[in-house]
Amino acid sequence: MYGYNYFTDENGKELAVNMNTGEVTDAITITVPVGTTVRTPEQQKAYKEFKAHEAKTFFRRKMMDELGYFYFVLCEHKLGKLSAETAARLIYLCTYLDYNKNFMLTQRQHMKKSDLQEVLGLSTGTTFKFWKEVNPQYIIEDVDGLKLISDDITRGTITDSKKSYQRFYIDAIRKVYLETKPTRHRHLGYVYQVLPFINFEYNIICWNPEEKVLDNIKPLTVAEFCGFIGYNAGDYKKLLKLYRQITFEINNQREYFLTFVMNEADAEHIRIFVNPRIIYSGSDYKKVEVLGAFTKCE
């Protein structure tokens, strides 16, 4: 075979020497039908890597077709000391980011501070409160317009491979924000603020977000979730009912923002799922499709 020299050692064993690397490997003689493709070990390895890359590219394209454009948020980020409602409004506002951290009304028109009230759909007083919380910790206004200065939120290529990021999907975030009353924005923000606890593969709010084996995931109980968001755990049924009312329509299907799945009717056996149309960074799109069954409204 081209690129190899073959010989038999003193024990009668057939060996092959790679003429490029000098590596010696075992060789066997086989008979194959005419026209069959035979690959060297290096070619087989390269072919497997190519197929793995091809599969990853396919899933990425399918996710893009299904979920649309996104931006990144550092998974350890807790949105600082922002109130929950301001966190929700900041996440929504970041759907207007370009690849240079500018907030844009259109592809060519920069967003100004004076545009915030209309973009966010808030009263004058509430818009002022929002600005007071995010400036200058997250957003500043320069000569062109509003600009994001936080390194924990970005759109485009991630350069630091040592850090883990979650993808936030622009279309669904806009839809759920616009369909949710401002008085309930804080319930969107509660979920964004527990970002460090959202499992990458299954979107379960849990203690071990990097776990890839479903049976090994340690979900937060509803009581623990209530503790994180400052909600009375004794009123968890009221919280569940409230989240059942936070829905949005996408692709002609109404879906829940947050889903509570239970095996038994008590807080210790409830798993909390974040709709993957909002946040998802998993490697297997099939898991997203499975999660979709939980998030669809009846």
Protein backbone atom coordinates (compact mmCIF):
# COMPACT_ATOMS: atom_id res chain seq x y z
CA MET A 1 0.00 0.00 0.00
CA TYR A 2 1.30 3.48 -0.89
CA GLY A 3 3.21 5.10 1.96
CA TYR A 4 4.13 1.81 3.70
CA ASN A 5 6.93 -0.73 3.36
CA TYR A 6 6.15 -4.30 4.42
CA PHE A 7 8.52 -6.94 5.77
CA THR A 8 8.57 -10.12 7.87
CA ASP A 9 10.62 -10.21 11.07
CA GLU A 10 12.71 -13.13 12.33
CA ASN A 11 9.64 -14.68 13.96
CA GLY A 12 7.67 -14.62 10.73
CA LYS A 13 5.44 -11.75 11.86
CA GLU A 14 4.28 -9.33 9.15
CA LEU A 15 5.01 -5.66 9.92
CA ALA A 16 4.44 -2.35 8.14
CA VAL A 17 6.64 0.75 8.31
CA ASN A 18 5.08 4.16 7.72
CA MET A 19 7.46 5.83 5.24
CA ASN A 20 6.53 9.32 6.50
CA THR A 21 6.82 8.76 10.27
CA GLY A 22 8.87 5.58 10.61
CA GLU A 23 6.19 4.08 12.87
CA VAL A 24 6.10 0.26 12.82
CA THR A 25 2.70 -1.45 13.12
CA ASP A 26 1.34 -4.96 12.70
CA ALA A 27 0.33 -5.82 9.17
CA ILE A 28 -2.17 -8.37 7.94
CA THR A 29 -2.93 -9.63 4.48
CA ILE A 30 -6.59 -9.63 3.45
CA THR A 31 -8.45 -10.29 0.23
CA VAL A 32 -11.09 -7.71 -0.70
CA PRO A 33 -13.46 -7.48 -3.68
CA VAL A 34 -12.35 -5.44 -6.68
CA GLY A 35 -13.29 -1.78 -6.26
CA THR A 36 -13.29 -1.86 -2.43
CA THR A 37 -11.72 1.15 -0.72
CA VAL A 38 -8.97 0.22 1.73
CA ARG A 39 -7.79 2.89 4.19
CA THR A 40 -4.54 3.11 6.13
CA PRO A 41 -4.81 3.50 9.94
CA GLU A 42 -4.14 7.24 9.52
CA GLN A 43 -6.83 7.50 6.87
CA GLN A 44 -9.28 5.63 9.11
CA LYS A 45 -8.54 8.01 11.99
CA ALA A 46 -8.91 11.03 9.74
CA TYR A 47 -12.18 9.64 8.35
CA LYS A 48 -13.61 9.13 11.85
CA GLU A 49 -12.62 12.69 12.81
CA PHE A 50 -14.21 13.99 9.62
CA LYS A 51 -17.47 12.13 10.31
CA ALA A 52 -17.53 13.40 13.91
CA HIS A 53 -17.00 16.97 12.66
CA GLU A 54 -19.67 16.45 10.01
CA ALA A 55 -22.16 15.24 12.65
CA LYS A 56 -21.36 18.19 14.93
CA THR A 57 -21.81 20.59 12.01
CA PHE A 58 -25.15 18.97 11.16
CA PHE A 59 -26.46 19.36 14.71
CA ARG A 60 -25.20 22.95 14.85
CA ARG A 61 -26.99 23.81 11.61
CA LYS A 62 -30.15 22.06 12.77
CA MET A 63 -30.06 23.97 16.05
CA MET A 64 -29.56 27.20 14.14
CA ASP A 65 -32.53 26.40 11.88
CA GLU A 66 -34.70 25.54 14.87
CA LEU A 67 -33.52 28.02 17.51
CA GLY A 68 -32.10 30.90 15.48
CA TYR A 69 -29.38 33.40 16.34
CA PHE A 70 -27.93 33.66 19.84
CA TYR A 71 -25.47 35.45 22.09
CA PHE A 72 -23.32 34.08 24.90
CA VAL A 73 -23.46 34.59 28.66
CA LEU A 74 -20.75 33.26 30.97
CA CYS A 75 -22.41 30.37 32.80
CA GLU A 76 -20.96 31.47 36.16
CA HIS A 77 -22.49 34.91 35.75
CA LYS A 78 -25.20 35.79 38.27
CA LEU A 79 -26.06 39.18 36.74
CA GLY A 80 -24.33 41.05 39.51
CA LYS A 81 -26.43 42.85 42.07
CA LEU A 82 -29.24 43.57 39.65
CA SER A 83 -32.84 43.15 40.69
CA ALA A 84 -34.59 40.23 38.99
CA GLU A 85 -36.73 42.51 36.83
CA THR A 86 -33.68 44.47 35.67
CA ALA A 87 -31.88 41.21 34.89
CA ALA A 88 -34.77 40.17 32.64
CA ARG A 89 -34.77 43.52 30.87
CA LEU A 90 -30.99 43.45 30.37
CA ILE A 91 -31.17 39.94 28.85
CA TYR A 92 -33.88 41.18 26.50
CA LEU A 93 -31.95 44.33 25.60
CA CYS A 94 -28.90 42.21 24.71
CA THR A 95 -30.87 40.69 21.84
CA TYR A 96 -30.13 44.02 20.10
CA LEU A 97 -26.35 43.58 20.34
CA ASP A 98 -24.14 43.54 17.27
CA TYR A 99 -20.77 41.77 17.11
CA ASN A 100 -18.97 44.82 18.48
CA LYS A 101 -21.09 45.12 21.65
CA ASN A 102 -23.13 48.01 20.25
CA PHE A 103 -26.88 48.09 20.83
CA MET A 104 -28.53 48.53 17.44
CA LEU A 105 -32.12 49.41 16.52
CA THR A 106 -31.41 48.31 12.95
CA GLN A 107 -28.34 47.08 11.15
CA ARG A 108 -27.16 50.66 10.71
CA GLN A 109 -28.98 52.62 13.41
CA HIS A 110 -27.43 52.75 16.89
CA MET A 111 -29.68 52.63 19.94
CA LYS A 112 -29.63 55.75 22.12
CA LYS A 113 -30.47 56.14 25.78
CA SER A 114 -33.60 58.03 24.69
CA ASP A 115 -34.77 54.88 22.85
CA LEU A 116 -34.79 52.68 25.96
CA GLN A 117 -38.32 53.42 27.14
CA GLU A 118 -39.86 52.45 23.82
CA VAL A 119 -37.61 49.42 23.29
CA LEU A 120 -38.22 48.04 26.78
CA GLY A 121 -41.91 48.96 26.83
CA LEU A 122 -41.72 50.55 30.27
CA SER A 123 -42.88 53.69 32.01
CA THR A 124 -40.57 56.68 32.33
CA GLY A 125 -39.90 55.99 36.01
CA THR A 126 -39.22 52.27 35.51
CA THR A 127 -36.90 53.01 32.59
CA PHE A 128 -34.97 55.46 34.77
CA LYS A 129 -34.65 52.81 37.49
CA PHE A 130 -33.38 50.28 34.91
CA TRP A 131 -30.76 52.70 33.62
CA LYS A 132 -29.60 53.53 37.13
CA GLU A 133 -28.97 49.81 37.81
CA VAL A 134 -27.15 48.93 34.57
CA ASN A 135 -25.07 52.08 34.12
CA PRO A 136 -22.09 51.95 34.23
CA GLN A 137 -21.81 48.34 35.43
CA TYR A 138 -23.13 46.92 32.16
CA ILE A 139 -24.00 49.69 29.72
CA ILE A 140 -22.53 53.07 28.87
CA GLU A 141 -23.51 55.70 26.32
CA ASP A 142 -20.74 56.90 24.01
CA VAL A 143 -20.82 59.19 20.98
CA ASP A 144 -22.45 56.52 18.78
CA GLY A 145 -24.98 55.24 21.26
CA LEU A 146 -25.37 52.53 23.90
CA LYS A 147 -22.56 50.03 24.34
CA LEU A 148 -22.21 46.88 26.47
CA ILE A 149 -19.06 46.86 28.58
CA SER A 150 -19.50 43.55 30.44
CA ASP A 151 -17.09 40.83 29.30
CA ASP A 152 -19.47 38.16 30.60
CA ILE A 153 -21.98 38.79 27.79
CA THR A 154 -20.91 38.71 24.16
CA ARG A 155 -22.06 37.97 20.66
CA GLY A 156 -19.73 36.30 18.19
CA THR A 157 -16.75 34.01 18.67
CA ILE A 158 -15.64 32.91 22.13
CA THR A 159 -11.87 33.18 22.38
CA ASP A 160 -11.32 31.77 25.89
CA SER A 161 -11.92 28.01 25.63
CA LYS A 162 -11.33 27.55 29.36
CA LYS A 163 -14.56 29.34 30.22
CA SER A 164 -18.04 27.88 29.82
CA TYR A 165 -20.85 29.87 28.25
CA GLN A 166 -24.58 29.35 27.74
CA ARG A 167 -26.30 30.33 24.51
CA PHE A 168 -29.25 32.73 24.80
CA TYR A 169 -31.54 32.59 21.76
CA ILE A 170 -32.66 35.96 20.47
CA ASP A 171 -36.02 35.17 18.89
CA ALA A 172 -37.53 33.31 21.86
CA ILE A 173 -36.16 35.76 24.44
CA ARG A 174 -37.84 38.62 22.61
CA LYS A 175 -41.11 36.77 22.30
CA VAL A 176 -41.39 35.76 25.94
CA TYR A 177 -40.38 39.24 27.12
CA LEU A 178 -42.92 41.02 24.92
CA GLU A 179 -45.69 38.61 25.91
CA THR A 180 -45.00 38.95 29.64
CA LYS A 181 -46.43 41.84 31.64
CA PRO A 182 -43.77 44.17 33.11
CA THR A 183 -45.05 43.28 36.60
CA ARG A 184 -43.92 39.71 35.94
CA HIS A 185 -40.55 40.46 34.39
CA ARG A 186 -38.90 39.52 37.67
CA HIS A 187 -40.01 35.92 37.18
CA LEU A 188 -38.06 35.83 33.94
CA GLY A 189 -35.12 37.37 35.77
CA TYR A 190 -35.21 34.75 38.53
CA VAL A 191 -34.39 32.08 35.94
CA TYR A 192 -31.62 34.12 34.33
CA GLN A 193 -30.09 34.68 37.76
CA VAL A 194 -29.78 30.93 38.45
CA LEU A 195 -27.82 30.49 35.21
CA PRO A 196 -24.89 28.77 37.02
CA PHE A 197 -27.30 25.95 37.93
CA ILE A 198 -28.76 25.20 34.48
CA ASN A 199 -27.53 21.86 33.15
CA PHE A 200 -25.86 22.18 29.75
CA GLU A 201 -27.27 18.98 28.23
CA TYR A 202 -30.73 18.72 29.76
CA ASN A 203 -31.62 22.26 30.94
CA ILE A 204 -32.56 20.98 34.38
CA ILE A 205 -31.89 23.45 37.20
CA CYS A 206 -29.47 21.38 39.28
CA TRP A 207 -26.39 21.26 41.49
CA ASN A 208 -24.12 19.69 38.85
CA PRO A 209 -24.72 21.60 35.58
CA GLU A 210 -21.86 19.92 33.70
CA GLU A 211 -23.15 16.39 34.33
CA LYS A 212 -24.00 14.62 31.05
CA VAL A 213 -25.59 11.45 32.46
CA LEU A 214 -29.26 12.14 33.17
CA ASP A 215 -29.50 9.69 36.09
CA ASN A 216 -26.57 11.40 37.84
CA ILE A 217 -28.06 14.89 37.78
CA LYS A 218 -28.92 16.30 41.21
CA PRO A 219 -31.88 18.64 40.65
CA LEU A 220 -32.63 21.58 42.90
CA THR A 221 -35.84 21.00 44.75
CA VAL A 222 -38.56 23.59 44.35
CA ALA A 223 -37.88 24.60 47.95
CA GLU A 224 -34.21 25.19 47.11
CA PHE A 225 -35.18 27.15 44.00
CA CYS A 226 -37.52 29.26 46.14
CA GLY A 227 -34.64 29.90 48.52
CA PHE A 228 -32.46 31.21 45.70
CA ILE A 229 -35.08 33.63 44.41
CA GLY A 230 -36.28 34.74 47.84
CA TYR A 231 -39.73 33.16 47.53
CA ASN A 232 -41.65 31.54 50.40
CA ALA A 233 -41.17 27.79 49.88
CA GLY A 234 -44.49 27.15 51.57
CA ASP A 235 -46.22 28.92 48.66
CA TYR A 236 -44.47 26.89 45.96
CA LYS A 237 -47.78 25.79 44.41
CA LYS A 238 -48.62 29.43 43.81
CA LEU A 239 -45.21 29.86 42.14
CA LEU A 240 -45.82 26.85 39.89
CA LYS A 241 -49.19 28.25 38.88
CA LEU A 242 -47.65 31.62 38.08
CA TYR A 243 -44.97 30.12 35.84
CA ARG A 244 -47.66 28.10 34.07
CA GLN A 245 -49.07 31.45 32.97
CA ILE A 246 -45.78 32.68 31.46
CA THR A 247 -45.89 31.40 27.90
CA PHE A 248 -44.93 32.56 24.42
CA GLU A 249 -45.79 31.58 20.88
CA ILE A 250 -43.14 30.41 18.45
CA ASN A 251 -43.53 28.48 15.18
CA ASN A 252 -47.30 28.50 15.70
CA GLN A 253 -46.88 26.62 18.98
CA ARG A 254 -47.44 28.05 22.45
CA GLU A 255 -44.77 27.02 24.94
CA TYR A 256 -43.92 27.46 28.61
CA PHE A 257 -40.93 29.54 29.67
CA LEU A 258 -40.28 27.24 32.63
CA THR A 259 -41.65 23.73 33.16
CA PHE A 260 -42.10 21.75 36.37
CA VAL A 261 -42.10 17.98 35.84
CA MET A 262 -43.03 15.76 38.75
CA ASN A 263 -43.20 12.06 39.50
CA GLU A 264 -45.08 12.71 42.71
CA ALA A 265 -47.10 15.71 43.82
CA ASP A 266 -44.57 17.18 46.27
CA ALA A 267 -41.72 19.63 46.03
CA GLU A 268 -39.02 17.01 46.60
CA HIS A 269 -39.84 15.16 43.38
CA ILE A 270 -40.22 18.05 40.96
CA ARG A 271 -37.64 18.78 38.27
CA ILE A 272 -37.44 22.29 36.88
CA PHE A 273 -36.70 22.62 33.15
CA VAL A 274 -35.79 25.84 31.33
CA ASN A 275 -37.24 25.97 27.83
CA PRO A 276 -34.30 25.19 25.47
CA ARG A 277 -35.59 27.75 22.98
CA ILE A 278 -34.50 30.36 25.53
CA ILE A 279 -31.19 28.91 26.74
CA TYR A 280 -29.35 25.85 25.44
CA SER A 281 -25.72 24.89 24.90
CA GLY A 282 -25.89 21.10 24.77
CA SER A 283 -24.09 18.91 22.26
CA ASP A 284 -26.98 16.70 21.16
CA TYR A 285 -29.94 18.32 19.45
CA LYS A 286 -32.04 15.17 19.97
CA LYS A 287 -32.07 15.99 23.67
CA VAL A 288 -33.47 19.42 22.81
CA GLU A 289 -36.29 17.78 20.87
CA VAL A 290 -37.10 15.56 23.86
CA LEU A 291 -37.13 18.59 26.16
CA GLY A 292 -39.50 20.28 23.75
CA ALA A 293 -42.23 17.83 24.73
CA PHE A 294 -42.16 19.18 28.30
CA THR A 295 -42.36 22.81 27.28
CA LYS A 296 -45.28 22.72 24.87
CA CYS A 297 -48.61 23.96 26.17
CA GLU A 298 -51.53 21.58 25.90
